[in-house]
PDB file of N, CA and C in Angstrom:
ATOM      1  N   MET A   1       0.825  -1.186  -0.029  1.00  0.00           N
ATOM      2  CA  MET A   1       0.024  -0.015  -0.229  1.00  0.00           C
ATOM      3  C   MET A   1       0.827   1.279   0.065  1.00  0.00           C
ATOM      4  N   THR A   2       0.580   2.014  -0.944  1.00  0.00           N
ATOM      5  CA  THR A   2       1.380   3.672  -0.861  1.00  0.00           C
ATOM      6  C   THR A   2       0.892   4.286   0.308  1.00  0.00           C
ATOM      7  N   LYS A   3       1.633   5.159   0.456  1.00  0.00           N
ATOM      8  CA  LYS A   3       1.419   5.876   1.451  1.00  0.00           C
ATOM      9  C   LYS A   3       0.162   6.844   1.154  1.00  0.00           C
ATOM     10  N   VAL A   4       0.054   7.373  -0.092  1.00  0.00           N
ATOM     11  CA  VAL A   4      -1.078   8.035  -0.794  1.00  0.00           C
ATOM     12  C   VAL A   4      -2.432   7.179  -0.428  1.00  0.00           C
ATOM     13  N   GLU A   5      -2.310   6.111  -0.572  1.00  0.00           N
ATOM     14  CA  GLU A   5      -3.577   4.749  -0.345  1.00  0.00           C
ATOM     15  C   GLU A   5      -3.951   5.194   1.072  1.00  0.00           C
ATOM     16  N   LYS A   6      -2.512   5.038   1.832  1.00  0.00           N
ATOM     17  CA  LYS A   6      -2.807   4.607   3.207  1.00  0.00           C
ATOM     18  C   LYS A   6      -3.223   5.963   4.019  1.00  0.00           C
ATOM     19  N   PHE A   7      -3.276   6.964   3.358  1.00  0.00           N
ATOM     20  CA  PHE A   7      -3.464   8.087   3.506  1.00  0.00           C
ATOM     21  C   PHE A   7      -5.308   8.401   3.448  1.00  0.00           C
ATOM     22  N   THR A   8      -5.316   7.926   2.194  1.00  0.00           N
ATOM     23  CA  THR A   8      -6.871   7.528   2.001  1.00  0.00           C
ATOM     24  C   THR A   8      -7.383   7.547   3.065  1.00  0.00           C
ATOM     25  N   GLU A   9      -7.457   6.046   3.487  1.00  0.00           N
ATOM     26  CA  GLU A   9      -8.018   5.161   4.461  1.00  0.00           C
ATOM     27  C   GLU A   9      -7.980   5.895   5.701  1.00  0.00           C
ATOM     28  N   THR A  10      -6.612   6.757   5.951  1.00  0.00           N
ATOM     29  CA  THR A  10      -6.559   7.386   7.086  1.00  0.00           C
ATOM     30  C   THR A  10      -7.687   8.551   7.425  1.00  0.00           C
ATOM     31  N   ILE A  11      -7.785   9.512   6.318  1.00  0.00           N
ATOM     32  CA  ILE A  11      -8.712  10.292   6.917  1.00  0.00           C
ATOM     33  C   ILE A  11     -10.261   9.995   6.833  1.00  0.00           C
ATOM     34  N   LYS A  12     -10.766   9.189   6.227  1.00  0.00           N
ATOM     35  CA  LYS A  12     -11.766   8.500   6.166  1.00  0.00           C
ATOM     36  C   LYS A  12     -12.471   8.842   6.998  1.00  0.00           C
ATOM     37  N   GLY A  13     -13.963   9.886   6.452  1.00  0.00           N
ATOM     38  CA  GLY A  13     -14.791  10.185   7.287  1.00  0.00           C
ATOM     39  C   GLY A  13     -14.090  11.245   8.460  1.00  0.00           C
ATOM     40  N   ILE A  14     -13.562  11.957   8.088  1.00  0.00           N
ATOM     41  CA  ILE A  14     -12.907  13.407   8.671  1.00  0.00           C
ATOM     42  C   ILE A  14     -12.891  14.139   8.165  1.00  0.00           C
ATOM     43  N   LYS A  15     -13.731  15.824   9.007  1.00  0.00           N
ATOM     44  CA  LYS A  15     -14.042  16.758   8.316  1.00  0.00           C
ATOM     45  C   LYS A  15     -13.032  17.247   8.815  1.00  0.00           C
ATOM     46  N   PHE A  16     -12.617  18.220   7.661  1.00  0.00           N
ATOM     47  CA  PHE A  16     -11.301  19.249   7.282  1.00  0.00           C
ATOM     48  C   PHE A  16     -12.036  20.876   7.194  1.00  0.00           C
ATOM     49  N   THR A  17     -11.064  21.725   8.159  1.00  0.00           N
ATOM     50  CA  THR A  17     -11.226  23.474   7.386  1.00  0.00           C
ATOM     51  C   THR A  17     -10.848  23.159   6.104  1.00  0.00           C
ATOM     52  N   PRO A  18     -11.354  24.353   5.240  1.00  0.00           N
ATOM     53  CA  PRO A  18     -10.980  24.771   4.109  1.00  0.00           C
ATOM     54  C   PRO A  18      -9.488  24.835   4.061  1.00  0.00           C
ATOM     55  N   ALA A  19      -8.637  25.300   4.639  1.00  0.00           N
ATOM     56  CA  ALA A  19      -7.058  25.788   4.847  1.00  0.00           C
ATOM     57  C   ALA A  19      -6.910  24.186   4.433  1.00  0.00           C
ATOM     58  N   GLN A  20      -7.116  23.289   5.550  1.00  0.00           N
ATOM     59  CA  GLN A  20      -6.546  21.726   5.891  1.00  0.00           C
ATOM     60  C   GLN A  20      -7.338  21.106   4.511  1.00  0.00           C
ATOM     61  N   LYS A  21      -8.248  20.924   3.895  1.00  0.00           N
ATOM     62  CA  LYS A  21      -8.915  20.490   2.746  1.00  0.00           C
ATOM     63  C   LYS A  21      -8.046  20.261   1.624  1.00  0.00           C
ATOM     64  N   LYS A  22      -7.688  21.950   1.269  1.00  0.00           N
ATOM     65  CA  LYS A  22      -6.973  22.119   0.131  1.00  0.00           C
ATOM     66  C   LYS A  22      -5.328  21.360   0.198  1.00  0.00           C
ATOM     67  N   ILE A  23      -4.860  21.209   1.346  1.00  0.00           N
ATOM     68  CA  ILE A  23      -3.726  20.034   1.634  1.00  0.00           C
ATOM     69  C   ILE A  23      -4.080  19.387   1.133  1.00  0.00           C
ATOM     70  N   VAL A  24      -4.902  18.501   1.608  1.00  0.00           N
ATOM     71  CA  VAL A  24      -5.510  17.122   2.254  1.00  0.00           C
ATOM     72  C   VAL A  24      -5.467  17.420   0.634  1.00  0.00           C
ATOM     73  N   ASP A  25      -6.371  17.589  -0.377  1.00  0.00           N
ATOM     74  CA  ASP A  25      -6.183  17.154  -1.971  1.00  0.00           C
ATOM     75  C   ASP A  25      -5.055  17.395  -2.675  1.00  0.00           C
ATOM     76  N   LYS A  26      -4.373  18.225  -1.850  1.00  0.00           N
ATOM     77  CA  LYS A  26      -2.826  17.984  -2.827  1.00  0.00           C
ATOM     78  C   LYS A  26      -1.763  16.737  -2.407  1.00  0.00           C
ATOM     79  N   LEU A  27      -1.999  16.515  -1.104  1.00  0.00           N
ATOM     80  CA  LEU A  27      -1.322  15.040  -0.547  1.00  0.00           C
ATOM     81  C   LEU A  27      -2.030  13.881  -1.389  1.00  0.00           C
ATOM     82  N   LEU A  28      -3.414  14.127  -1.668  1.00  0.00           N
ATOM     83  CA  LEU A  28      -3.848  12.770  -2.153  1.00  0.00           C
ATOM     84  C   LEU A  28      -3.916  12.636  -3.639  1.00  0.00           C
ATOM     85  N   ARG A  29      -3.351  13.859  -4.278  1.00  0.00           N
ATOM     86  CA  ARG A  29      -2.484  13.820  -5.663  1.00  0.00           C
ATOM     87  C   ARG A  29      -1.066  13.779  -5.666  1.00  0.00           C
ATOM     88  N   GLY A  30      -0.577  13.136  -4.777  1.00  0.00           N
ATOM     89  CA  GLY A  30       0.572  12.836  -4.595  1.00  0.00           C
ATOM     90  C   GLY A  30       1.614  13.872  -4.350  1.00  0.00           C
ATOM     91  N   TYR A  31       1.311  15.221  -4.001  1.00  0.00           N
ATOM     92  CA  TYR A  31       2.139  16.545  -4.183  1.00  0.00           C
ATOM     93  C   TYR A  31       2.880  15.652  -2.462  1.00  0.00           C
ATOM     94  N   GLU A  32       4.102  15.816  -2.252  1.00  0.00           N
ATOM     95  CA  GLU A  32       5.067  16.557  -0.898  1.00  0.00           C
ATOM     96  C   GLU A  32       5.613  17.983  -0.987  1.00  0.00           C
ATOM     97  N   ILE A  33       5.779  18.109   0.462  1.00  0.00           N
ATOM     98  CA  ILE A  33       5.885  19.638   0.885  1.00  0.00           C
ATOM     99  C   ILE A  33       8.126  19.024   0.645  1.00  0.00           C
ATOM    100  N   GLN A  34       8.209  20.071   0.061  1.00  0.00           N
ATOM    101  CA  GLN A  34      10.219  19.883   0.165  1.00  0.00           C
ATOM    102  C   GLN A  34      10.417  21.331   0.954  1.00  0.00           C
ATOM    103  N   VAL A  35      11.452  20.964   2.083  1.00  0.00           N
ATOM    104  CA  VAL A  35      11.513  22.350   2.536  1.00  0.00           C
ATOM    105  C   VAL A  35      13.068  23.120   1.907  1.00  0.00           C
ATOM    106  N   VAL A  36      12.569  24.041   1.403  1.00  0.00           N
ATOM    107  CA  VAL A  36      13.686  24.871   0.837  1.00  0.00           C
ATOM    108  C   VAL A  36      15.065  25.617   2.156  1.00  0.00           C
ATOM    109  N   ASN A  37      15.977  25.617   1.980  1.00  0.00           N
ATOM    110  CA  ASN A  37      16.865  26.262   2.907  1.00  0.00           C
ATOM    111  C   ASN A  37      16.624  26.142   5.035  1.00  0.00           C
ATOM    112  N   PRO A  38      16.581  25.386   5.019  1.00  0.00           N
ATOM    113  CA  PRO A  38      16.413  24.227   6.308  1.00  0.00           C
ATOM    114  C   PRO A  38      17.240  25.109   7.018  1.00  0.00           C
ATOM    115  N   HIS A  39      18.264  25.810   6.908  1.00  0.00           N
ATOM    116  CA  HIS A  39      19.521  26.158   7.761  1.00  0.00           C
ATOM    117  C   HIS A  39      19.081  27.456   7.951  1.00  0.00           C
ATOM    118  N   HIS A  40      17.633  28.456   7.200  1.00  0.00           N
ATOM    119  CA  HIS A  40      17.700  29.757   7.719  1.00  0.00           C
ATOM    120  C   HIS A  40      16.952  29.758   9.125  1.00  0.00           C
ATOM    121  N   MET A  41      16.906  31.100   9.453  1.00  0.00           N
ATOM    122  CA  MET A  41      16.547  31.136  11.078  1.00  0.00           C
ATOM    123  C   MET A  41      14.666  30.861  10.735  1.00  0.00           C
ATOM    124  N   ASN A  42      14.238  30.546   9.960  1.00  0.00           N
ATOM    125  CA  ASN A  42      12.490  30.354   9.619  1.00  0.00           C
ATOM    126  C   ASN A  42      12.817  29.074   9.685  1.00  0.00           C
ATOM    127  N   GLY A  43      13.528  27.966   9.893  1.00  0.00           N
ATOM    128  CA  GLY A  43      13.364  26.634   9.340  1.00  0.00           C
ATOM    129  C   GLY A  43      13.079  26.408   8.241  1.00  0.00           C
ATOM    130  N   GLY A  44      13.421  27.229   7.238  1.00  0.00           N
ATOM    131  CA  GLY A  44      13.502  27.084   5.325  1.00  0.00           C
ATOM    132  C   GLY A  44      11.822  27.698   4.987  1.00  0.00           C
ATOM    133  N   THR A  45      11.905  27.345   3.719  1.00  0.00           N
ATOM    134  CA  THR A  45      10.770  27.443   3.007  1.00  0.00           C
ATOM    135  C   THR A  45       9.860  26.191   2.743  1.00  0.00           C
ATOM    136  N   MET A  46       8.588  25.975   2.647  1.00  0.00           N
ATOM    137  CA  MET A  46       8.137  24.950   2.308  1.00  0.00           C
ATOM    138  C   MET A  46       7.932  24.804   0.798  1.00  0.00           C
ATOM    139  N   MET A  47       7.773  24.193  -0.159  1.00  0.00           N
ATOM    140  CA  MET A  47       7.816  24.168  -1.632  1.00  0.00           C
ATOM    141  C   MET A  47       7.266  23.011  -1.575  1.00  0.00           C
ATOM    142  N   TRP A  48       5.592  22.878  -2.873  1.00  0.00           N
ATOM    143  CA  TRP A  48       5.098  22.266  -3.035  1.00  0.00           C
ATOM    144  C   TRP A  48       5.983  21.435  -4.055  1.00  0.00           C
ATOM    145  N   LYS A  49       6.291  19.621  -3.960  1.00  0.00           N
ATOM    146  CA  LYS A  49       7.133  18.995  -4.942  1.00  0.00           C
ATOM    147  C   LYS A  49       5.896  18.444  -5.903  1.00  0.00           C
ATOM    148  N   SER A  50       5.679  18.724  -7.253  1.00  0.00           N
ATOM    149  CA  SER A  50       5.193  17.709  -7.872  1.00  0.00           C
ATOM    150  C   SER A  50       5.028  15.984  -7.962  1.00  0.00           C
ATOM    151  N   PRO A  51       4.320  14.981  -7.858  1.00  0.00           N
ATOM    152  CA  PRO A  51       4.976  13.815  -8.311  1.00  0.00           C
ATOM    153  C   PRO A  51       5.176  13.507  -9.572  1.00  0.00           C
ATOM    154  N   HIS A  52       4.535  14.451 -10.756  1.00  0.00           N
ATOM    155  CA  HIS A  52       5.320  14.452 -12.117  1.00  0.00           C
ATOM    156  C   HIS A  52       6.091  15.176 -12.224  1.00  0.00           C
ATOM    157  N   SER A  53       7.266  15.809 -11.750  1.00  0.00           N
ATOM    158  CA  SER A  53       7.975  16.422 -12.463  1.00  0.00           C
ATOM    159  C   SER A  53       8.791  16.698 -11.191  1.00  0.00           C
ATOM    160  N   ASN A  54      10.188  17.647 -10.888  1.00  0.00           N
ATOM    161  CA  ASN A  54      10.957  18.100 -10.093  1.00  0.00           C
ATOM    162  C   ASN A  54      10.763  19.570  -9.921  1.00  0.00           C
ATOM    163  N   SER A  55       9.818  20.006 -10.792  1.00  0.00           N
ATOM    164  CA  SER A  55       9.812  21.498 -10.393  1.00  0.00           C
ATOM    165  C   SER A  55       8.874  21.644  -9.220  1.00  0.00           C
ATOM    166  N   LEU A  56       9.194  22.896  -8.385  1.00  0.00           N
ATOM    167  CA  LEU A  56       8.645  23.237  -7.167  1.00  0.00           C
ATOM    168  C   LEU A  56       7.804  24.233  -7.046  1.00  0.00           C
ATOM    169  N   GLU A  57       6.849  24.096  -6.356  1.00  0.00           N
ATOM    170  CA  GLU A  57       6.198  25.816  -6.838  1.00  0.00           C
ATOM    171  C   GLU A  57       5.972  26.160  -5.182  1.00  0.00           C
ATOM    172  N   HIS A  58       5.851  27.171  -4.702  1.00  0.00           N
ATOM    173  CA  HIS A  58       5.709  27.890  -3.674  1.00  0.00           C
ATOM    174  C   HIS A  58       4.212  27.391  -2.698  1.00  0.00           C
ATOM    175  N   ALA A  59       4.585  26.990  -1.756  1.00  0.00           N
ATOM    176  CA  ALA A  59       3.433  26.594  -1.076  1.00  0.00           C
ATOM    177  C   ALA A  59       2.548  27.736  -0.225  1.00  0.00           C
ATOM    178  N   GLY A  60       2.999  29.044  -0.215  1.00  0.00           N
ATOM    179  CA  GLY A  60       2.616  29.756   1.076  1.00  0.00           C
ATOM    180  C   GLY A  60       2.586  29.395   2.088  1.00  0.00           C
ATOM    181  N   LYS A  61       1.915  29.541   3.248  1.00  0.00           N
ATOM    182  CA  LYS A  61       1.615  29.639   4.102  1.00  0.00           C
ATOM    183  C   LYS A  61       0.703  28.474   4.684  1.00  0.00           C
ATOM    184  N   VAL A  62       1.462  27.161   4.771  1.00  0.00           N
ATOM    185  CA  VAL A  62       0.637  25.792   4.978  1.00  0.00           C
ATOM    186  C   VAL A  62       1.247  25.642   6.221  1.00  0.00           C
ATOM    187  N   TYR A  63       1.848  25.718   6.785  1.00  0.00           N
ATOM    188  CA  TYR A  63       2.460  25.162   7.495  1.00  0.00           C
ATOM    189  C   TYR A  63       1.443  24.596   9.102  1.00  0.00           C
ATOM    190  N   LYS A  64       0.779  25.723   9.357  1.00  0.00           N
ATOM    191  CA  LYS A  64      -0.058  25.664  10.560  1.00  0.00           C
ATOM    192  C   LYS A  64      -0.834  24.478  10.273  1.00  0.00           C
ATOM    193  N   ALA A  65      -1.879  24.858   8.779  1.00  0.00           N
ATOM    194  CA  ALA A  65      -2.530  24.057   8.354  1.00  0.00           C
ATOM    195  C   ALA A  65      -2.557  22.978   8.326  1.00  0.00           C
ATOM    196  N   PHE A  66      -1.383  22.074   8.071  1.00  0.00           N
ATOM    197  CA  PHE A  66      -0.592  21.446   7.459  1.00  0.00           C
ATOM    198  C   PHE A  66      -0.286  20.558   8.584  1.00  0.00           C
ATOM    199  N   TYR A  67       0.206  20.729   9.752  1.00  0.00           N
ATOM    200  CA  TYR A  67       0.271  19.838  10.583  1.00  0.00           C
ATOM    201  C   TYR A  67      -0.723  20.072  11.653  1.00  0.00           C
ATOM    202  N   ASN A  68      -1.665  20.689  11.742  1.00  0.00           N
ATOM    203  CA  ASN A  68      -3.031  20.362  11.812  1.00  0.00           C
ATOM    204  C   ASN A  68      -4.205  19.694  11.633  1.00  0.00           C
ATOM    205  N   ILE A  69      -3.640  18.991  10.167  1.00  0.00           N
ATOM    206  CA  ILE A  69      -3.843  17.654  10.182  1.00  0.00           C
ATOM    207  C   ILE A  69      -3.537  16.523  10.735  1.00  0.00           C
ATOM    208  N   GLY A  70      -2.366  16.543  10.976  1.00  0.00           N
ATOM    209  CA  GLY A  70      -1.778  15.661  12.239  1.00  0.00           C
ATOM    210  C   GLY A  70      -2.033  15.622  13.675  1.00  0.00           C
ATOM    211  N   TRP A  71      -2.388  16.816  13.643  1.00  0.00           N
ATOM    212  CA  TRP A  71      -2.912  16.817  15.480  1.00  0.00           C
ATOM    213  C   TRP A  71      -4.539  15.981  15.199  1.00  0.00           C
ATOM    214  N   LYS A  72      -5.475  16.980  14.288  1.00  0.00           N
ATOM    215  CA  LYS A  72      -6.445  16.365  14.160  1.00  0.00           C
ATOM    216  C   LYS A  72      -6.501  14.409  13.870  1.00  0.00           C
ATOM    217  N   LEU A  73      -5.692  13.788  13.047  1.00  0.00           N
ATOM    218  CA  LEU A  73      -5.472  12.679  12.815  1.00  0.00           C
ATOM    219  C   LEU A  73      -5.274  12.238  14.375  1.00  0.00           C
ATOM    220  N   ARG A  74      -4.433  12.504  14.636  1.00  0.00           N
ATOM    221  CA  ARG A  74      -3.807  12.129  16.073  1.00  0.00           C
ATOM    222  C   ARG A  74      -4.738  11.909  17.239  1.00  0.00           C
ATOM    223  N   ASN A  75      -5.922  13.219  16.940  1.00  0.00           N
ATOM    224  CA  ASN A  75      -6.981  13.209  18.465  1.00  0.00           C
ATOM    225  C   ASN A  75      -7.791  12.356  17.731  1.00  0.00           C
ATOM    226  N   GLU A  76      -8.099  12.001  16.903  1.00  0.00           N
ATOM    227  CA  GLU A  76      -9.366  11.191  16.192  1.00  0.00           C
ATOM    228  C   GLU A  76      -8.873   9.608  16.789  1.00  0.00           C
ATOM    229  N   GLY A  77      -7.473   9.546  17.247  1.00  0.00           N
ATOM    230  CA  GLY A  77      -6.696   8.110  17.144  1.00  0.00           C
ATOM    231  C   GLY A  77      -6.462   7.240  16.157  1.00  0.00           C
ATOM    232  N   ARG A  78      -6.283   8.142  15.159  1.00  0.00           N
ATOM    233  CA  ARG A  78      -6.032   7.363  14.247  1.00  0.00           C
ATOM    234  C   ARG A  78      -4.105   7.074  13.737  1.00  0.00           C
ATOM    235  N   VAL A  79      -3.409   8.207  13.981  1.00  0.00           N
ATOM    236  CA  VAL A  79      -2.193   7.834  14.052  1.00  0.00           C
ATOM    237  C   VAL A  79      -1.667   8.576  15.025  1.00  0.00           C
ATOM    238  N   GLU A  80       0.195   8.581  14.767  1.00  0.00           N
ATOM    239  CA  GLU A  80       0.969   9.067  15.954  1.00  0.00           C
ATOM    240  C   GLU A  80       1.269  10.555  15.119  1.00  0.00           C
ATOM    241  N   LEU A  81       1.262  11.228  15.791  1.00  0.00           N
ATOM    242  CA  LEU A  81       1.921  12.964  15.500  1.00  0.00           C
ATOM    243  C   LEU A  81       2.905  13.029  14.255  1.00  0.00           C
ATOM    244  N   TYR A  82       3.817  12.174  14.274  1.00  0.00           N
ATOM    245  CA  TYR A  82       5.223  12.223  13.166  1.00  0.00           C
ATOM    246  C   TYR A  82       4.169  11.639  12.122  1.00  0.00           C
ATOM    247  N   TYR A  83       3.452  11.808  11.712  1.00  0.00           N
ATOM    248  CA  TYR A  83       2.339  10.642  10.966  1.00  0.00           C
ATOM    249  C   TYR A  83       2.771  11.800   9.184  1.00  0.00           C
ATOM    250  N   MET A  84       2.620  13.149   9.876  1.00  0.00           N
ATOM    251  CA  MET A  84       2.438  13.806   8.477  1.00  0.00           C
ATOM    252  C   MET A  84       4.080  13.620   8.196  1.00  0.00           C
ATOM    253  N   ASN A  85       5.019  13.833   8.863  1.00  0.00           N
ATOM    254  CA  ASN A  85       6.313  13.422   8.126  1.00  0.00           C
ATOM    255  C   ASN A  85       6.550  13.152   6.929  1.00  0.00           C
ATOM    256  N   GLN A  86       5.744  11.887   7.211  1.00  0.00           N
ATOM    257  CA  GLN A  86       6.256  11.280   5.623  1.00  0.00           C
ATOM    258  C   GLN A  86       6.212  11.927   4.422  1.00  0.00           C
ATOM    259  N   PHE A  87       5.132  13.039   4.387  1.00  0.00           N
ATOM    260  CA  PHE A  87       4.955  13.587   3.378  1.00  0.00           C
ATOM    261  C   PHE A  87       5.705  15.200   3.353  1.00  0.00           C
ATOM    262  N   VAL A  88       7.040  15.018   4.075  1.00  0.00           N
ATOM    263  CA  VAL A  88       7.825  16.797   4.320  1.00  0.00           C
ATOM    264  C   VAL A  88       9.173  15.956   3.785  1.00  0.00           C
ATOM    265  N   ASN A  89       9.973  16.736   3.074  1.00  0.00           N
ATOM    266  CA  ASN A  89      11.326  16.161   2.446  1.00  0.00           C
ATOM    267  C   ASN A  89      12.171  17.206   2.625  1.00  0.00           C
ATOM    268  N   GLN A  90      13.441  16.612   3.687  1.00  0.00           N
ATOM    269  CA  GLN A  90      13.843  18.255   3.931  1.00  0.00           C
ATOM    270  C   GLN A  90      15.592  18.027   3.498  1.00  0.00           C
TER     271      GLN A  90
END
């Protein structure tokens, strides 16, 4: 089972905020977060990496909504908090 298939099963029946839904939709399409310049004081810049190319697109301010998905899944008793790290490449 791929991580996208596992994620699809994990989120069944969970309601997300509009900001979280945008991120969930991208993750379901196979996108991942790529952290660029992680050595910067702010921890780096989050970029979306397409599953179909090596190009990166700016992810905007997704940090809070992205990790809130993990908190929501944890609070539902579905996964451990570090679960969302599988979608982040540093």
